[in-house]
Protein backbone atom coordinates (compact mmCIF):
# COMPACT_ATOMS: atom_id res chain seq x y z
CA UNK A 1 9.01 8.05 -19.15
CA UNK A 2 8.58 10.71 -21.81
CA UNK A 3 4.92 11.11 -20.85
CA UNK A 4 5.82 11.97 -17.25
CA UNK A 5 8.73 14.12 -18.43
CA UNK A 6 6.30 16.18 -20.53
CA UNK A 7 3.96 16.55 -17.54
CA UNK A 8 6.85 17.94 -15.50
CA UNK A 9 8.04 20.23 -18.30
CA UNK A 10 4.53 21.65 -18.71
CA UNK A 11 4.57 22.79 -15.08
CA UNK A 12 8.17 23.87 -14.38
CA UNK A 13 11.66 24.08 -15.81
CA UNK A 14 13.34 20.75 -16.34
CA UNK A 15 16.26 22.11 -14.30
CA UNK A 16 13.98 22.42 -11.25
CA UNK A 17 11.64 19.54 -12.05
CA UNK A 18 13.99 16.87 -13.34
CA UNK A 19 14.54 15.56 -9.85
CA UNK A 20 10.84 14.69 -9.62
CA UNK A 21 10.87 12.43 -12.68
CA UNK A 22 11.21 9.20 -10.69
CA UNK A 23 8.55 10.40 -8.25
CA UNK A 24 6.16 11.07 -11.15
CA UNK A 25 6.83 7.69 -12.76
CA UNK A 26 6.39 5.90 -9.43
CA UNK A 27 3.13 7.71 -8.71
CA UNK A 28 1.59 7.19 -12.13
CA UNK A 29 2.45 3.48 -12.10
CA UNK A 30 1.24 2.97 -8.52
CA UNK A 31 -2.03 4.83 -9.04
CA UNK A 32 -2.72 3.23 -12.43
CA UNK A 33 -2.03 -0.32 -11.21
CA UNK A 34 -3.99 0.39 -8.02
CA UNK A 35 -6.93 1.59 -10.09
CA UNK A 36 -6.80 -1.49 -12.32
CA UNK A 37 -6.52 -4.13 -9.58
CA UNK A 38 -10.20 -3.99 -8.69
CA UNK A 39 -11.41 -4.59 -12.24
CA UNK A 40 -10.46 -8.21 -12.95
CA UNK A 41 -10.28 -9.26 -9.31
CA UNK A 42 -13.61 -7.93 -8.07
CA UNK A 43 -14.55 -10.97 -5.99
CA UNK A 44 -18.01 -10.86 -4.46
CA UNK A 45 -19.28 -13.37 -1.89
CA UNK A 46 -22.58 -14.70 -3.27
CA UNK A 47 -24.08 -15.35 0.14
CA UNK A 48 -23.50 -11.93 1.69
CA UNK A 49 -22.92 -9.91 -1.50
CA UNK A 50 -19.78 -8.62 0.21
CA UNK A 51 -16.88 -7.36 -1.90
CA UNK A 52 -13.74 -9.32 -0.93
CA UNK A 53 -11.22 -7.62 -3.19
CA UNK A 54 -11.20 -4.06 -4.38
CA UNK A 55 -8.76 -1.53 -5.79
CA UNK A 56 -6.44 -0.05 -3.19
CA UNK A 57 -7.35 3.38 -4.53
CA UNK A 58 -11.02 2.69 -3.71
CA UNK A 59 -10.03 3.12 -0.05
CA UNK A 60 -9.90 6.68 1.33
CA UNK A 61 -7.04 5.82 3.70
CA UNK A 62 -4.76 4.92 0.77
CA UNK A 63 -5.63 7.95 -1.36
CA UNK A 64 -5.47 10.44 1.49
CA UNK A 65 -2.12 8.97 2.58
CA UNK A 66 -0.82 9.48 -0.96
CA UNK A 67 -2.12 13.05 -0.91
CA UNK A 68 -0.48 13.80 2.45
CA UNK A 69 2.77 12.34 1.14
CA UNK A 70 2.64 14.52 -1.99
CA UNK A 71 1.85 17.71 -0.08
CA UNK A 72 4.53 16.94 2.53
CA UNK A 73 7.10 16.32 -0.19
CA UNK A 74 6.16 19.57 -1.89
CA UNK A 75 6.77 21.46 1.37
CA UNK A 76 10.04 19.62 1.97
CA UNK A 77 11.43 20.34 -1.50
CA UNK A 78 10.14 23.91 -1.38
CA UNK A 79 12.11 24.58 1.79
CA UNK A 80 15.12 22.63 0.53
CA UNK A 81 15.37 24.51 -2.78
CA UNK A 82 14.33 28.00 -1.73
CA UNK A 83 15.32 28.14 1.92
CA UNK A 84 12.98 28.48 4.89
CA UNK A 85 12.85 32.29 4.82
CA UNK A 86 11.93 32.64 1.15
CA UNK A 87 9.52 29.71 1.37
CA UNK A 88 7.68 31.03 4.41
CA UNK A 89 7.30 34.51 2.87
CA UNK A 90 4.80 33.05 0.39
CA UNK A 91 2.41 32.41 3.29
CA UNK A 92 2.32 36.01 4.49
CA UNK A 93 2.60 37.95 1.23
CA UNK A 94 1.15 40.32 0.24
CA UNK A 95 -0.37 40.73 3.73
CA UNK A 96 0.11 38.85 7.01
CA UNK A 97 -3.62 38.09 7.34
CA UNK A 98 -3.35 35.84 4.28
CA UNK A 99 -1.81 33.13 6.50
CA UNK A 100 -5.12 31.48 7.56
CA UNK A 101 -6.32 31.46 3.96
CA UNK A 102 -3.08 29.85 2.79
CA UNK A 103 -3.34 27.18 5.52
CA UNK A 104 -6.93 26.41 4.51
CA UNK A 105 -5.73 26.16 0.91
CA UNK A 106 -3.12 23.58 1.92
CA UNK A 107 -5.74 21.50 3.72
CA UNK A 108 -8.11 21.79 0.78
CA UNK A 109 -5.38 20.73 -1.69
CA UNK A 110 -4.66 17.64 0.38
CA UNK A 111 -8.31 16.66 0.73
CA UNK A 112 -9.24 17.26 -2.91
CA UNK A 113 -6.19 15.40 -4.23
CA UNK A 114 -6.99 12.31 -2.20
CA UNK A 115 -10.77 12.37 -2.31
CA UNK A 116 -10.97 12.98 -6.07
CA UNK A 117 -9.09 9.76 -6.74
CA UNK A 118 -11.02 7.82 -4.10
CA UNK A 119 -14.44 9.01 -5.23
CA UNK A 120 -13.96 8.20 -8.88
CA UNK A 121 -12.56 4.73 -8.34
CA UNK A 122 -14.97 3.82 -5.53
CA UNK A 123 -18.01 4.90 -7.56
CA UNK A 124 -16.88 2.78 -10.50
CA UNK A 125 -16.44 -0.25 -8.27
CA UNK A 126 -19.85 0.22 -6.67
CA UNK A 127 -21.46 0.23 -10.09
CA UNK A 128 -19.48 -2.85 -11.11
CA UNK A 129 -20.60 -4.60 -7.93
CA UNK A 130 -24.22 -3.83 -8.78
CA UNK A 131 -23.77 -5.08 -12.34
CA UNK A 132 -21.99 -8.25 -11.20
CA UNK A 133 -24.86 -8.76 -8.76
CA UNK A 134 -27.12 -8.77 -11.82
CA UNK A 135 -24.87 -11.36 -13.44
CA UNK A 136 -25.11 -13.54 -10.36
CA UNK A 137 -28.90 -13.31 -10.39
CA UNK A 138 -30.79 -16.55 -10.25
CA UNK A 139 -32.39 -16.08 -13.64
CA UNK A 140 -30.54 -16.64 -16.88
CA UNK A 141 -32.22 -13.59 -18.43
CA UNK A 142 -30.90 -11.31 -15.67
CA UNK A 143 -27.35 -12.57 -16.25
CA UNK A 144 -27.58 -12.01 -20.00
CA UNK A 145 -29.04 -8.51 -19.54
CA UNK A 146 -26.23 -7.50 -17.14
CA UNK A 147 -23.32 -8.96 -19.15
CA UNK A 148 -23.12 -6.27 -21.86
CA UNK A 149 -23.36 -3.27 -19.49
CA UNK A 150 -20.74 -4.92 -17.28
CA UNK A 151 -18.30 -5.26 -20.18
CA UNK A 152 -18.96 -1.67 -21.30
CA UNK A 153 -18.40 -0.38 -17.77
CA UNK A 154 -15.18 -2.42 -17.47
CA UNK A 155 -13.82 -0.61 -20.54
CA UNK A 156 -14.96 2.75 -19.21
CA UNK A 157 -13.35 1.98 -15.83
CA UNK A 158 -10.02 1.33 -17.54
CA UNK A 159 -10.28 4.73 -19.21
CA UNK A 160 -11.27 6.47 -15.94
CA UNK A 161 -8.46 4.72 -14.05
CA UNK A 162 -5.88 5.94 -16.58
CA UNK A 163 -7.26 9.49 -16.52
CA UNK A 164 -7.22 9.54 -12.71
CA UNK A 165 -3.58 8.40 -12.63
CA UNK A 166 -2.73 11.21 -15.06
CA UNK A 167 -4.67 13.81 -13.04
CA UNK A 168 -3.03 12.73 -9.78
CA UNK A 169 0.48 13.08 -11.24
CA UNK A 170 -0.37 16.33 -13.01
CA UNK A 171 -1.67 17.90 -9.80
CA UNK A 172 1.36 16.57 -7.91
CA UNK A 173 3.66 18.37 -10.34
CA UNK A 174 1.55 21.53 -10.15
CA UNK A 175 1.87 21.53 -6.35
CA UNK A 176 5.61 20.87 -6.63
CA UNK A 177 6.01 23.70 -9.13
CA UNK A 178 4.21 26.16 -6.85
CA UNK A 179 6.44 25.29 -3.92
CA UNK A 180 9.79 24.86 -5.70
CA UNK A 181 9.81 27.53 -8.40
CA UNK A 182 11.08 30.97 -7.51
CA UNK A 183 8.66 32.81 -9.78
CA UNK A 184 5.43 31.57 -8.11
């Protein structure tokens, strides 16, 4: 709880950001657990080499839905705390022709937030699938040669999954701070 509280405090005043504490805790737990689910439960069908179980965050639909939810919440709370007039002025200041650029920025924020998480977790699971395929090889030597890299990559995937959960929550709070704070 203190970890997420410090993330929020590093981006905005606690007075403005305290209401996002539960959101931050929920997101970091969901993303971290989602990242970890594919590691011990990576079940591959030997006949078709098809992955039966994977991390939910290794699916672009899940990560992009999370990103859309975060960006939508940031708009909602921005309008709620600042009012529609003050909030909408940010899109046309300093000049009215900045509006298309600001809209492209919103789309880019949504895509990068979701696709960053998806790409990192999916790539790790693809490599694990290849290594597990080496473990399931018909020769004993192939299984022994793939065991150590598989264990090393499992440890690295735990680290990457934790970092990605942190990055997702950090960027969520950055987006919230930009929409909610009066000084941005």
